[in-house]
Amino acid sequence: MLILLLFLVLIAWALQLNHDRQDWPSTPGTARNAVPDRDLERLVADLRALR
């Protein structure tokens, strides 16, 4: 039982570390690897075309 509890605590600790390392909120429209979001570009172009 103690080993299971320790295992759960370690998992919770690791998840919290991962959460703290995330750079949120990220820049909208740009992924972490600086590749532009093509869907967002297409949506903006479509909305401009509707004007």
N, C-alpha and C. Protein backbone atom coordinates (compact mmCIF):
# COMPACT_ATOMS: atom_id res chain seq x y z
N MET A 1 0.82 -1.19 0.00
CA MET A 1 0.00 0.00 0.00
C MET A 1 0.87 1.26 0.00
N LEU A 2 1.92 1.21 0.79
CA LEU A 2 2.82 2.36 0.86
C LEU A 2 3.52 2.60 -0.48
N ILE A 3 3.88 1.53 -1.15
CA ILE A 3 4.55 1.66 -2.46
C ILE A 3 3.59 2.27 -3.48
N LEU A 4 2.34 1.86 -3.45
CA LEU A 4 1.34 2.43 -4.36
C LEU A 4 1.15 3.92 -4.10
N LEU A 5 1.08 4.31 -2.85
CA LEU A 5 0.93 5.72 -2.50
C LEU A 5 2.15 6.52 -2.95
N LEU A 6 3.33 5.99 -2.74
CA LEU A 6 4.55 6.65 -3.17
C LEU A 6 4.58 6.78 -4.70
N PHE A 7 4.16 5.75 -5.39
CA PHE A 7 4.10 5.78 -6.85
C PHE A 7 3.14 6.88 -7.34
N LEU A 8 1.98 6.99 -6.72
CA LEU A 8 1.01 8.03 -7.10
C LEU A 8 1.55 9.44 -6.82
N VAL A 9 2.24 9.59 -5.71
CA VAL A 9 2.84 10.89 -5.39
C VAL A 9 3.90 11.26 -6.42
N LEU A 10 4.72 10.30 -6.82
CA LEU A 10 5.74 10.57 -7.83
C LEU A 10 5.13 10.94 -9.18
N ILE A 11 4.04 10.28 -9.54
CA ILE A 11 3.37 10.61 -10.80
C ILE A 11 2.79 12.03 -10.73
N ALA A 12 2.15 12.37 -9.62
CA ALA A 12 1.59 13.71 -9.47
C ALA A 12 2.69 14.77 -9.51
N TRP A 13 3.81 14.49 -8.87
CA TRP A 13 4.94 15.42 -8.86
C TRP A 13 5.49 15.61 -10.27
N ALA A 14 5.64 14.52 -11.03
CA ALA A 14 6.15 14.60 -12.40
C ALA A 14 5.19 15.37 -13.31
N LEU A 15 3.90 15.15 -13.15
CA LEU A 15 2.92 15.88 -13.95
C LEU A 15 2.96 17.38 -13.63
N GLN A 16 3.13 17.71 -12.37
CA GLN A 16 3.20 19.12 -11.99
C GLN A 16 4.46 19.77 -12.56
N LEU A 17 5.59 19.06 -12.53
CA LEU A 17 6.81 19.59 -13.13
C LEU A 17 6.62 19.85 -14.63
N ASN A 18 5.99 18.91 -15.30
CA ASN A 18 5.74 19.06 -16.73
C ASN A 18 4.83 20.25 -16.99
N HIS A 19 3.81 20.41 -16.17
CA HIS A 19 2.88 21.53 -16.33
C HIS A 19 3.59 22.87 -16.11
N ASP A 20 4.46 22.92 -15.12
CA ASP A 20 5.18 24.16 -14.83
C ASP A 20 6.17 24.53 -15.93
N ARG A 21 6.67 23.55 -16.66
CA ARG A 21 7.63 23.82 -17.74
C ARG A 21 6.97 24.31 -19.01
N GLN A 22 5.68 24.12 -19.16
CA GLN A 22 5.00 24.53 -20.38
C GLN A 22 4.99 26.05 -20.48
N ASP A 23 5.19 26.55 -21.67
CA ASP A 23 5.19 27.99 -21.92
C ASP A 23 3.81 28.41 -22.40
N TRP A 24 2.88 28.56 -21.45
CA TRP A 24 1.52 28.93 -21.80
C TRP A 24 1.24 30.33 -21.34
N PRO A 25 0.46 31.10 -22.01
CA PRO A 25 -0.08 30.79 -23.33
C PRO A 25 0.97 31.02 -24.40
N SER A 26 0.95 30.18 -25.38
CA SER A 26 1.91 30.34 -26.48
C SER A 26 1.44 31.44 -27.42
N THR A 27 2.31 31.88 -28.27
CA THR A 27 1.97 32.93 -29.22
C THR A 27 0.90 32.41 -30.17
N PRO A 28 -0.22 33.11 -30.30
CA PRO A 28 -1.28 32.60 -31.18
C PRO A 28 -0.83 32.53 -32.64
N GLY A 29 -1.18 31.46 -33.29
CA GLY A 29 -0.88 31.31 -34.70
C GLY A 29 0.51 30.78 -34.99
N THR A 30 1.31 30.58 -33.98
CA THR A 30 2.66 30.10 -34.19
C THR A 30 2.92 28.92 -33.27
N ALA A 31 3.37 27.84 -33.84
CA ALA A 31 3.70 26.66 -33.03
C ALA A 31 5.06 26.87 -32.38
N ARG A 32 5.43 25.93 -31.52
CA ARG A 32 6.73 26.04 -30.85
C ARG A 32 7.89 25.98 -31.84
N ASN A 33 7.72 25.32 -32.95
CA ASN A 33 8.80 25.20 -33.93
C ASN A 33 8.74 26.31 -34.97
N ALA A 34 7.98 27.36 -34.71
CA ALA A 34 7.87 28.55 -35.56
C ALA A 34 7.25 28.25 -36.91
N VAL A 35 6.48 27.18 -37.03
CA VAL A 35 5.75 26.89 -38.26
C VAL A 35 4.40 27.59 -38.15
N PRO A 36 4.06 28.42 -39.14
CA PRO A 36 2.79 29.15 -39.05
C PRO A 36 1.59 28.21 -39.13
N ASP A 37 0.52 28.60 -38.50
CA ASP A 37 -0.71 27.82 -38.49
C ASP A 37 -1.46 28.09 -39.79
N ARG A 38 -1.46 27.10 -40.69
CA ARG A 38 -2.06 27.29 -42.01
C ARG A 38 -3.57 27.45 -41.92
N ASP A 39 -4.21 26.78 -40.97
CA ASP A 39 -5.65 26.92 -40.82
C ASP A 39 -6.02 28.35 -40.43
N LEU A 40 -5.24 28.93 -39.53
CA LEU A 40 -5.50 30.31 -39.12
C LEU A 40 -5.30 31.26 -40.29
N GLU A 41 -4.25 31.06 -41.06
CA GLU A 41 -4.01 31.91 -42.24
C GLU A 41 -5.16 31.80 -43.23
N ARG A 42 -5.65 30.59 -43.45
CA ARG A 42 -6.75 30.38 -44.38
C ARG A 42 -8.03 31.04 -43.87
N LEU A 43 -8.28 30.93 -42.57
CA LEU A 43 -9.46 31.55 -41.98
C LEU A 43 -9.41 33.07 -42.10
N VAL A 44 -8.26 33.66 -41.83
CA VAL A 44 -8.10 35.11 -41.96
C VAL A 44 -8.30 35.54 -43.40
N ALA A 45 -7.75 34.79 -44.33
CA ALA A 45 -7.92 35.12 -45.76
C ALA A 45 -9.38 35.01 -46.18
N ASP A 46 -10.08 34.00 -45.69
CA ASP A 46 -11.49 33.85 -46.02
C ASP A 46 -12.33 35.00 -45.43
N LEU A 47 -12.02 35.37 -44.21
CA LEU A 47 -12.77 36.47 -43.60
C LEU A 47 -12.51 37.80 -44.30
N ARG A 48 -11.27 38.01 -44.76
CA ARG A 48 -10.97 39.23 -45.52
C ARG A 48 -11.69 39.23 -46.86
N ALA A 49 -11.81 38.05 -47.46
CA ALA A 49 -12.48 37.94 -48.77
C ALA A 49 -13.98 38.22 -48.65
N LEU A 50 -14.55 37.97 -47.49
CA LEU A 50 -15.98 38.21 -47.30
C LEU A 50 -16.33 39.69 -47.22
N ARG A 51 -15.37 40.51 -46.91
CA ARG A 51 -15.63 41.95 -46.78
C ARG A 51 -16.01 42.53 -48.07
